PDB file of all heavy atoms in Angstrom:
ATOM      1  N   TYR A   1      -0.908 -10.399   8.381  1.00  0.00           N
ATOM      2  CA  TYR A   1      -0.775  -9.276   7.419  1.00  0.00           C
ATOM      3  C   TYR A   1       0.366  -8.403   7.952  1.00  0.00           C
ATOM      4  O   TYR A   1       0.470  -8.195   9.131  1.00  0.00           O
ATOM      5  CB  TYR A   1      -2.036  -8.480   7.346  1.00  0.00           C
ATOM      6  CG  TYR A   1      -3.148  -9.129   6.506  1.00  0.00           C
ATOM      7  CD1 TYR A   1      -4.086  -9.933   7.114  1.00  0.00           C
ATOM      8  CD2 TYR A   1      -3.150  -9.011   5.140  1.00  0.00           C
ATOM      9  CE1 TYR A   1      -5.064 -10.599   6.339  1.00  0.00           C
ATOM     10  CE2 TYR A   1      -4.065  -9.656   4.362  1.00  0.00           C
ATOM     11  CZ  TYR A   1      -5.035 -10.401   4.969  1.00  0.00           C
ATOM     12  OH  TYR A   1      -6.004 -11.059   4.237  1.00  0.00           O
ATOM     13  N   VAL A   2       1.191  -7.885   7.009  1.00  0.00           N
ATOM     14  CA  VAL A   2       2.330  -7.107   7.392  1.00  0.00           C
ATOM     15  C   VAL A   2       2.338  -5.840   6.504  1.00  0.00           C
ATOM     16  O   VAL A   2       2.220  -5.899   5.277  1.00  0.00           O
ATOM     17  CB  VAL A   2       3.624  -7.869   7.198  1.00  0.00           C
ATOM     18  CG1 VAL A   2       4.865  -7.027   7.577  1.00  0.00           C
ATOM     19  CG2 VAL A   2       3.638  -9.132   8.001  1.00  0.00           C
ATOM     20  N   LEU A   3       2.504  -4.682   7.176  1.00  0.00           N
ATOM     21  CA  LEU A   3       2.741  -3.442   6.439  1.00  0.00           C
ATOM     22  C   LEU A   3       4.224  -3.179   6.555  1.00  0.00           C
ATOM     23  O   LEU A   3       4.732  -2.836   7.634  1.00  0.00           O
ATOM     24  CB  LEU A   3       1.910  -2.305   7.080  1.00  0.00           C
ATOM     25  CG  LEU A   3       2.201  -0.895   6.567  1.00  0.00           C
ATOM     26  CD1 LEU A   3       1.998  -0.787   5.070  1.00  0.00           C
ATOM     27  CD2 LEU A   3       1.337   0.114   7.309  1.00  0.00           C
ATOM     28  N   VAL A   4       4.918  -3.367   5.469  1.00  0.00           N
ATOM     29  CA  VAL A   4       6.398  -3.145   5.406  1.00  0.00           C
ATOM     30  C   VAL A   4       6.586  -1.738   4.910  1.00  0.00           C
ATOM     31  O   VAL A   4       6.115  -1.341   3.843  1.00  0.00           O
ATOM     32  CB  VAL A   4       7.084  -4.138   4.455  1.00  0.00           C
ATOM     33  CG1 VAL A   4       8.596  -3.895   4.433  1.00  0.00           C
ATOM     34  CG2 VAL A   4       6.799  -5.573   4.835  1.00  0.00           C
ATOM     35  N   ASN A   5       7.328  -0.966   5.683  1.00  0.00           N
ATOM     36  CA  ASN A   5       7.606   0.445   5.331  1.00  0.00           C
ATOM     37  C   ASN A   5       9.094   0.651   5.169  1.00  0.00           C
ATOM     38  O   ASN A   5       9.881   0.406   6.087  1.00  0.00           O
ATOM     39  CB  ASN A   5       7.057   1.376   6.414  1.00  0.00           C
ATOM     40  CG  ASN A   5       7.306   2.816   6.098  1.00  0.00           C
ATOM     41  OD1 ASN A   5       8.253   3.409   6.574  1.00  0.00           O
ATOM     42  ND2 ASN A   5       6.465   3.453   5.355  1.00  0.00           N
ATOM     43  N   PHE A   6       9.508   1.006   3.956  1.00  0.00           N
ATOM     44  CA  PHE A   6      10.884   1.368   3.623  1.00  0.00           C
ATOM     45  C   PHE A   6      11.080   2.844   3.873  1.00  0.00           C
ATOM     46  O   PHE A   6      10.327   3.630   3.295  1.00  0.00           O
ATOM     47  CB  PHE A   6      11.207   0.989   2.200  1.00  0.00           C
ATOM     48  CG  PHE A   6      11.208  -0.498   1.945  1.00  0.00           C
ATOM     49  CD1 PHE A   6      10.064  -1.130   1.482  1.00  0.00           C
ATOM     50  CD2 PHE A   6      12.306  -1.299   2.182  1.00  0.00           C
ATOM     51  CE1 PHE A   6      10.007  -2.475   1.262  1.00  0.00           C
ATOM     52  CE2 PHE A   6      12.282  -2.666   1.969  1.00  0.00           C
ATOM     53  CZ  PHE A   6      11.149  -3.258   1.495  1.00  0.00           C
ATOM     54  N   TRP A   7      12.079   3.247   4.666  1.00  0.00           N
ATOM     55  CA  TRP A   7      12.243   4.604   5.024  1.00  0.00           C
ATOM     56  C   TRP A   7      13.738   4.906   5.285  1.00  0.00           C
ATOM     57  O   TRP A   7      14.558   4.013   5.258  1.00  0.00           O
ATOM     58  CB  TRP A   7      11.404   4.898   6.262  1.00  0.00           C
ATOM     59  CG  TRP A   7      11.949   4.289   7.546  1.00  0.00           C
ATOM     60  CD1 TRP A   7      11.883   2.958   7.880  1.00  0.00           C
ATOM     61  CD2 TRP A   7      12.672   4.957   8.582  1.00  0.00           C
ATOM     62  NE1 TRP A   7      12.538   2.771   9.091  1.00  0.00           N
ATOM     63  CE2 TRP A   7      12.996   3.957   9.515  1.00  0.00           C
ATOM     64  CE3 TRP A   7      13.026   6.241   8.786  1.00  0.00           C
ATOM     65  CZ2 TRP A   7      13.735   4.277  10.663  1.00  0.00           C
ATOM     66  CZ3 TRP A   7      13.761   6.567   9.888  1.00  0.00           C
ATOM     67  CH2 TRP A   7      14.087   5.568  10.858  1.00  0.00           C
ATOM     68  N   ALA A   8      14.037   6.166   5.580  1.00  0.00           N
ATOM     69  CA  ALA A   8      15.407   6.583   5.971  1.00  0.00           C
ATOM     70  C   ALA A   8      15.301   7.799   6.920  1.00  0.00           C
ATOM     71  O   ALA A   8      14.354   8.566   6.844  1.00  0.00           O
ATOM     72  CB  ALA A   8      16.236   6.925   4.732  1.00  0.00           C
ATOM     73  N   THR A   9      16.341   7.924   7.716  1.00  0.00           N
ATOM     74  CA  THR A   9      16.329   9.048   8.660  1.00  0.00           C
ATOM     75  C   THR A   9      16.375  10.409   8.026  1.00  0.00           C
ATOM     76  O   THR A   9      15.894  11.396   8.579  1.00  0.00           O
ATOM     77  CB  THR A   9      17.542   8.929   9.667  1.00  0.00           C
ATOM     78  OG1 THR A   9      18.747   8.871   8.889  1.00  0.00           O
ATOM     79  CG2 THR A   9      17.411   7.724  10.551  1.00  0.00           C
ATOM     80  N   TRP A  10      16.986  10.521   6.853  1.00  0.00           N
ATOM     81  CA  TRP A  10      17.152  11.786   6.159  1.00  0.00           C
ATOM     82  C   TRP A  10      15.908  12.182   5.356  1.00  0.00           C
ATOM     83  O   TRP A  10      15.798  13.278   4.812  1.00  0.00           O
ATOM     84  CB  TRP A  10      18.372  11.715   5.227  1.00  0.00           C
ATOM     85  CG  TRP A  10      18.368  10.520   4.350  1.00  0.00           C
ATOM     86  CD1 TRP A  10      19.049   9.358   4.561  1.00  0.00           C
ATOM     87  CD2 TRP A  10      17.629  10.353   3.098  1.00  0.00           C
ATOM     88  NE1 TRP A  10      18.796   8.485   3.509  1.00  0.00           N
ATOM     89  CE2 TRP A  10      17.949   9.071   2.629  1.00  0.00           C
ATOM     90  CE3 TRP A  10      16.775  11.141   2.388  1.00  0.00           C
ATOM     91  CZ2 TRP A  10      17.374   8.560   1.454  1.00  0.00           C
ATOM     92  CZ3 TRP A  10      16.227  10.626   1.197  1.00  0.00           C
ATOM     93  CH2 TRP A  10      16.535   9.358   0.760  1.00  0.00           C
ATOM     94  N   CYS A  11      14.915  11.252   5.236  1.00  0.00           N
ATOM     95  CA  CYS A  11      13.708  11.442   4.434  1.00  0.00           C
ATOM     96  C   CYS A  11      12.616  12.131   5.225  1.00  0.00           C
ATOM     97  O   CYS A  11      12.046  11.548   6.141  1.00  0.00           O
ATOM     98  CB  CYS A  11      13.278  10.087   3.916  1.00  0.00           C
ATOM     99  SG  CYS A  11      11.663  10.009   3.207  1.00  0.00           S
ATOM    100  N   ALA A  12      12.341  13.413   4.937  1.00  0.00           N
ATOM    101  CA  ALA A  12      11.356  14.155   5.725  1.00  0.00           C
ATOM    102  C   ALA A  12       9.976  13.543   5.663  1.00  0.00           C
ATOM    103  O   ALA A  12       9.298  13.416   6.734  1.00  0.00           O
ATOM    104  CB  ALA A  12      11.304  15.632   5.185  1.00  0.00           C
ATOM    105  N   PRO A  13       9.439  13.088   4.493  1.00  0.00           N
ATOM    106  CA  PRO A  13       8.129  12.417   4.548  1.00  0.00           C
ATOM    107  C   PRO A  13       8.113  11.153   5.357  1.00  0.00           C
ATOM    108  O   PRO A  13       7.112  10.804   6.015  1.00  0.00           O
ATOM    109  CB  PRO A  13       7.806  12.117   3.070  1.00  0.00           C
ATOM    110  CG  PRO A  13       8.674  13.057   2.318  1.00  0.00           C
ATOM    111  CD  PRO A  13       9.928  13.276   3.163  1.00  0.00           C
ATOM    112  N   CYS A  14       9.239  10.423   5.379  1.00  0.00           N
ATOM    113  CA  CYS A  14       9.363   9.214   6.198  1.00  0.00           C
ATOM    114  C   CYS A  14       9.249   9.536   7.655  1.00  0.00           C
ATOM    115  O   CYS A  14       8.506   8.906   8.433  1.00  0.00           O
ATOM    116  CB  CYS A  14      10.719   8.557   5.967  1.00  0.00           C
ATOM    117  SG  CYS A  14      11.032   8.048   4.258  1.00  0.00           S
ATOM    118  N   ARG A  15       9.977  10.597   8.088  1.00  0.00           N
ATOM    119  CA  ARG A  15       9.957  10.993   9.456  1.00  0.00           C
ATOM    120  C   ARG A  15       8.563  11.411   9.886  1.00  0.00           C
ATOM    121  O   ARG A  15       8.107  11.139  10.985  1.00  0.00           O
ATOM    122  CB  ARG A  15      10.922  12.167   9.651  1.00  0.00           C
ATOM    123  CG  ARG A  15      12.365  11.778   9.384  1.00  0.00           C
ATOM    124  CD  ARG A  15      13.281  13.020   9.310  1.00  0.00           C
ATOM    125  NE  ARG A  15      13.447  13.657  10.583  1.00  0.00           N
ATOM    126  CZ  ARG A  15      14.464  13.505  11.368  1.00  0.00           C
ATOM    127  NH1 ARG A  15      15.462  12.686  11.003  1.00  0.00           N
ATOM    128  NH2 ARG A  15      14.547  14.140  12.499  1.00  0.00           N
ATOM    129  N   LYS A  16       7.851  12.110   8.957  1.00  0.00           N
ATOM    130  CA  LYS A  16       6.473  12.596   9.259  1.00  0.00           C
ATOM    131  C   LYS A  16       5.505  11.451   9.484  1.00  0.00           C
ATOM    132  O   LYS A  16       4.672  11.522  10.344  1.00  0.00           O
ATOM    133  CB  LYS A  16       6.023  13.451   8.100  1.00  0.00           C
ATOM    134  CG  LYS A  16       4.633  13.927   8.179  1.00  0.00           C
ATOM    135  CD  LYS A  16       4.232  14.762   6.953  1.00  0.00           C
ATOM    136  CE  LYS A  16       2.730  14.854   6.882  1.00  0.00           C
ATOM    137  NZ  LYS A  16       2.288  15.239   5.575  1.00  0.00           N
ATOM    138  N   GLU A  17       5.654  10.306   8.732  1.00  0.00           N
ATOM    139  CA  GLU A  17       4.676   9.262   8.886  1.00  0.00           C
ATOM    140  C   GLU A  17       4.971   8.223   9.949  1.00  0.00           C
ATOM    141  O   GLU A  17       4.139   7.411  10.303  1.00  0.00           O
ATOM    142  CB  GLU A  17       4.411   8.578   7.510  1.00  0.00           C
ATOM    143  CG  GLU A  17       5.478   7.646   7.033  1.00  0.00           C
ATOM    144  CD  GLU A  17       5.069   6.950   5.744  1.00  0.00           C
ATOM    145  OE1 GLU A  17       3.945   7.031   5.245  1.00  0.00           O
ATOM    146  OE2 GLU A  17       5.961   6.287   5.193  1.00  0.00           O
ATOM    147  N   LEU A  18       6.196   8.270  10.512  1.00  0.00           N
ATOM    148  CA  LEU A  18       6.547   7.271  11.514  1.00  0.00           C
ATOM    149  C   LEU A  18       5.554   7.255  12.739  1.00  0.00           C
ATOM    150  O   LEU A  18       5.204   6.173  13.159  1.00  0.00           O
ATOM    151  CB  LEU A  18       7.977   7.473  11.989  1.00  0.00           C
ATOM    152  CG  LEU A  18       9.064   6.920  11.087  1.00  0.00           C
ATOM    153  CD1 LEU A  18      10.440   7.422  11.556  1.00  0.00           C
ATOM    154  CD2 LEU A  18       9.034   5.407  11.000  1.00  0.00           C
ATOM    155  N   PRO A  19       5.181   8.384  13.292  1.00  0.00           N
ATOM    156  CA  PRO A  19       4.244   8.358  14.448  1.00  0.00           C
ATOM    157  C   PRO A  19       2.886   7.683  14.077  1.00  0.00           C
ATOM    158  O   PRO A  19       2.327   6.976  14.871  1.00  0.00           O
ATOM    159  CB  PRO A  19       4.061   9.789  14.814  1.00  0.00           C
ATOM    160  CG  PRO A  19       5.295  10.482  14.354  1.00  0.00           C
ATOM    161  CD  PRO A  19       5.657   9.773  13.098  1.00  0.00           C
ATOM    162  N   ALA A  20       2.413   7.922  12.858  1.00  0.00           N
ATOM    163  CA  ALA A  20       1.165   7.293  12.405  1.00  0.00           C
ATOM    164  C   ALA A  20       1.324   5.777  12.199  1.00  0.00           C
ATOM    165  O   ALA A  20       0.412   5.030  12.634  1.00  0.00           O
ATOM    166  CB  ALA A  20       0.691   7.933  11.094  1.00  0.00           C
ATOM    167  N   LEU A  21       2.452   5.376  11.713  1.00  0.00           N
ATOM    168  CA  LEU A  21       2.744   3.935  11.591  1.00  0.00           C
ATOM    169  C   LEU A  21       2.823   3.303  12.944  1.00  0.00           C
ATOM    170  O   LEU A  21       2.281   2.191  13.155  1.00  0.00           O
ATOM    171  CB  LEU A  21       4.048   3.694  10.803  1.00  0.00           C
ATOM    172  CG  LEU A  21       3.973   3.962   9.291  1.00  0.00           C
ATOM    173  CD1 LEU A  21       5.389   4.102   8.720  1.00  0.00           C
ATOM    174  CD2 LEU A  21       3.198   2.870   8.572  1.00  0.00           C
ATOM    175  N   ASP A  22       3.433   3.996  13.909  1.00  0.00           N
ATOM    176  CA  ASP A  22       3.541   3.489  15.278  1.00  0.00           C
ATOM    177  C   ASP A  22       2.186   3.346  15.892  1.00  0.00           C
ATOM    178  O   ASP A  22       1.887   2.334  16.545  1.00  0.00           O
ATOM    179  CB  ASP A  22       4.428   4.473  16.073  1.00  0.00           C
ATOM    180  CG  ASP A  22       4.709   3.941  17.468  1.00  0.00           C
ATOM    181  OD1 ASP A  22       5.266   2.797  17.588  1.00  0.00           O
ATOM    182  OD2 ASP A  22       4.441   4.643  18.436  1.00  0.00           O
ATOM    183  N   ALA A  23       1.293   4.335  15.713  1.00  0.00           N
ATOM    184  CA  ALA A  23      -0.065   4.268  16.307  1.00  0.00           C
ATOM    185  C   ALA A  23      -0.848   3.126  15.653  1.00  0.00           C
ATOM    186  O   ALA A  23      -1.554   2.422  16.372  1.00  0.00           O
ATOM    187  CB  ALA A  23      -0.757   5.633  16.088  1.00  0.00           C
ATOM    188  N   LEU A  24      -0.717   2.940  14.382  1.00  0.00           N
ATOM    189  CA  LEU A  24      -1.409   1.838  13.692  1.00  0.00           C
ATOM    190  C   LEU A  24      -0.891   0.491  14.234  1.00  0.00           C
ATOM    191  O   LEU A  24      -1.704  -0.402  14.531  1.00  0.00           O
ATOM    192  CB  LEU A  24      -1.138   1.937  12.214  1.00  0.00           C
ATOM    193  CG  LEU A  24      -1.945   0.997  11.317  1.00  0.00           C
ATOM    194  CD1 LEU A  24      -3.404   1.405  11.306  1.00  0.00           C
ATOM    195  CD2 LEU A  24      -1.403   0.970   9.879  1.00  0.00           C
ATOM    196  N   ASN A  25       0.410   0.383  14.459  1.00  0.00           N
ATOM    197  CA  ASN A  25       0.938  -0.845  15.020  1.00  0.00           C
ATOM    198  C   ASN A  25       0.481  -1.078  16.465  1.00  0.00           C
ATOM    199  O   ASN A  25       0.159  -2.195  16.793  1.00  0.00           O
ATOM    200  CB  ASN A  25       2.478  -0.835  14.899  1.00  0.00           C
ATOM    201  CG  ASN A  25       3.067  -2.214  15.124  1.00  0.00           C
ATOM    202  OD1 ASN A  25       2.691  -3.174  14.473  1.00  0.00           O
ATOM    203  ND2 ASN A  25       3.942  -2.305  16.082  1.00  0.00           N
ATOM    204  N   ARG A  26       0.480  -0.040  17.210  1.00  0.00           N
ATOM    205  CA  ARG A  26       0.003  -0.157  18.618  1.00  0.00           C
ATOM    206  C   ARG A  26      -1.441  -0.659  18.669  1.00  0.00           C
ATOM    207  O   ARG A  26      -1.791  -1.473  19.536  1.00  0.00           O
ATOM    208  CB  ARG A  26       0.142   1.175  19.383  1.00  0.00           C
ATOM    209  CG  ARG A  26       1.526   1.379  19.997  1.00  0.00           C
ATOM    210  CD  ARG A  26       1.557   2.547  20.971  1.00  0.00           C
ATOM    211  NE  ARG A  26       0.721   3.668  20.651  1.00  0.00           N
ATOM    212  CZ  ARG A  26       1.115   4.707  19.921  1.00  0.00           C
ATOM    213  NH1 ARG A  26       2.350   4.773  19.543  1.00  0.00           N
ATOM    214  NH2 ARG A  26       0.304   5.718  19.690  1.00  0.00           N
ATOM    215  N   ASP A  27      -2.274  -0.134  17.779  1.00  0.00           N
ATOM    216  CA  ASP A  27      -3.690  -0.418  17.847  1.00  0.00           C
ATOM    217  C   ASP A  27      -4.081  -1.697  17.137  1.00  0.00           C
ATOM    218  O   ASP A  27      -5.025  -2.364  17.566  1.00  0.00           O
ATOM    219  CB  ASP A  27      -4.526   0.733  17.266  1.00  0.00           C
ATOM    220  CG  ASP A  27      -4.399   2.034  18.063  1.00  0.00           C
ATOM    221  OD1 ASP A  27      -3.946   1.916  19.257  1.00  0.00           O
ATOM    222  OD2 ASP A  27      -4.774   3.061  17.580  1.00  0.00           O
ATOM    223  N   PHE A  28      -3.379  -2.129  16.096  1.00  0.00           N
ATOM    224  CA  PHE A  28      -3.707  -3.284  15.321  1.00  0.00           C
ATOM    225  C   PHE A  28      -2.703  -4.431  15.457  1.00  0.00           C
ATOM    226  O   PHE A  28      -2.996  -5.561  15.108  1.00  0.00           O
ATOM    227  CB  PHE A  28      -3.897  -2.956  13.833  1.00  0.00           C
ATOM    228  CG  PHE A  28      -5.150  -2.216  13.532  1.00  0.00           C
ATOM    229  CD1 PHE A  28      -5.191  -0.848  13.482  1.00  0.00           C
ATOM    230  CD2 PHE A  28      -6.323  -2.916  13.214  1.00  0.00           C
ATOM    231  CE1 PHE A  28      -6.325  -0.168  13.214  1.00  0.00           C
ATOM    232  CE2 PHE A  28      -7.488  -2.251  12.935  1.00  0.00           C
ATOM    233  CZ  PHE A  28      -7.538  -0.863  12.906  1.00  0.00           C
ATOM    234  N   GLY A  29      -1.482  -4.057  15.856  1.00  0.00           N
ATOM    235  CA  GLY A  29      -0.417  -5.102  15.986  1.00  0.00           C
ATOM    236  C   GLY A  29      -0.720  -6.270  16.874  1.00  0.00           C
ATOM    237  O   GLY A  29      -1.359  -6.053  17.911  1.00  0.00           O
ATOM    238  N   GLY A  30      -0.258  -7.398  16.489  1.00  0.00           N
ATOM    239  CA  GLY A  30      -0.484  -8.612  17.268  1.00  0.00           C
ATOM    240  C   GLY A  30      -0.305  -9.857  16.418  1.00  0.00           C
ATOM    241  O   GLY A  30       0.476  -9.870  15.500  1.00  0.00           O
ATOM    242  N   ASP A  31      -1.152 -10.869  16.713  1.00  0.00           N
ATOM    243  CA  ASP A  31      -1.015 -12.146  16.012  1.00  0.00           C
ATOM    244  C   ASP A  31      -1.435 -12.078  14.565  1.00  0.00           C
ATOM    245  O   ASP A  31      -0.959 -12.882  13.742  1.00  0.00           O
ATOM    246  CB  ASP A  31      -1.910 -13.200  16.695  1.00  0.00           C
ATOM    247  CG  ASP A  31      -1.387 -13.546  18.072  1.00  0.00           C
ATOM    248  OD1 ASP A  31      -0.206 -13.288  18.361  1.00  0.00           O
ATOM    249  OD2 ASP A  31      -2.189 -14.065  18.874  1.00  0.00           O
ATOM    250  N   ASP A  32      -2.237 -11.056  14.173  1.00  0.00           N
ATOM    251  CA  ASP A  32      -2.771 -11.013  12.830  1.00  0.00           C
ATOM    252  C   ASP A  32      -2.209  -9.882  11.937  1.00  0.00           C
ATOM    253  O   ASP A  32      -2.413  -9.885  10.724  1.00  0.00           O
ATOM    254  CB  ASP A  32      -4.333 -10.874  12.829  1.00  0.00           C
ATOM    255  CG  ASP A  32      -4.986 -12.061  13.534  1.00  0.00           C
ATOM    256  OD1 ASP A  32      -4.505 -13.196  13.345  1.00  0.00           O
ATOM    257  OD2 ASP A  32      -5.952 -11.853  14.251  1.00  0.00           O
ATOM    258  N   PHE A  33      -1.524  -8.955  12.563  1.00  0.00           N
ATOM    259  CA  PHE A  33      -1.014  -7.767  11.821  1.00  0.00           C
ATOM    260  C   PHE A  33       0.223  -7.217  12.523  1.00  0.00           C
ATOM    261  O   PHE A  33       0.300  -7.200  13.751  1.00  0.00           O
ATOM    262  CB  PHE A  33      -2.090  -6.686  11.758  1.00  0.00           C
ATOM    263  CG  PHE A  33      -1.655  -5.413  11.073  1.00  0.00           C
ATOM    264  CD1 PHE A  33      -1.536  -5.339   9.692  1.00  0.00           C
ATOM    265  CD2 PHE A  33      -1.316  -4.316  11.866  1.00  0.00           C
ATOM    266  CE1 PHE A  33      -1.113  -4.158   9.098  1.00  0.00           C
ATOM    267  CE2 PHE A  33      -0.896  -3.111  11.246  1.00  0.00           C
ATOM    268  CZ  PHE A  33      -0.790  -3.074   9.888  1.00  0.00           C
ATOM    269  N   GLU A  34       1.121  -6.668  11.703  1.00  0.00           N
ATOM    270  CA  GLU A  34       2.273  -5.968  12.268  1.00  0.00           C
ATOM    271  C   GLU A  34       2.829  -4.961  11.243  1.00  0.00           C
ATOM    272  O   GLU A  34       2.822  -5.222  10.060  1.00  0.00           O
ATOM    273  CB  GLU A  34       3.353  -6.959  12.651  1.00  0.00           C
ATOM    274  CG  GLU A  34       4.499  -6.346  13.435  1.00  0.00           C
ATOM    275  CD  GLU A  34       5.406  -7.393  14.044  1.00  0.00           C
ATOM    276  OE1 GLU A  34       5.068  -8.571  14.054  1.00  0.00           O
ATOM    277  OE2 GLU A  34       6.505  -6.972  14.531  1.00  0.00           O
TER     278      GLU A  34
END
């Protein structure tokens, strides 16, 4: 399973959610999810 996130450096909402996406990837990322 893959969560694809389209974003940009100039996009404030994108910047805001990056740490949450990173935490989700750290906790669930691996052979089954990224």
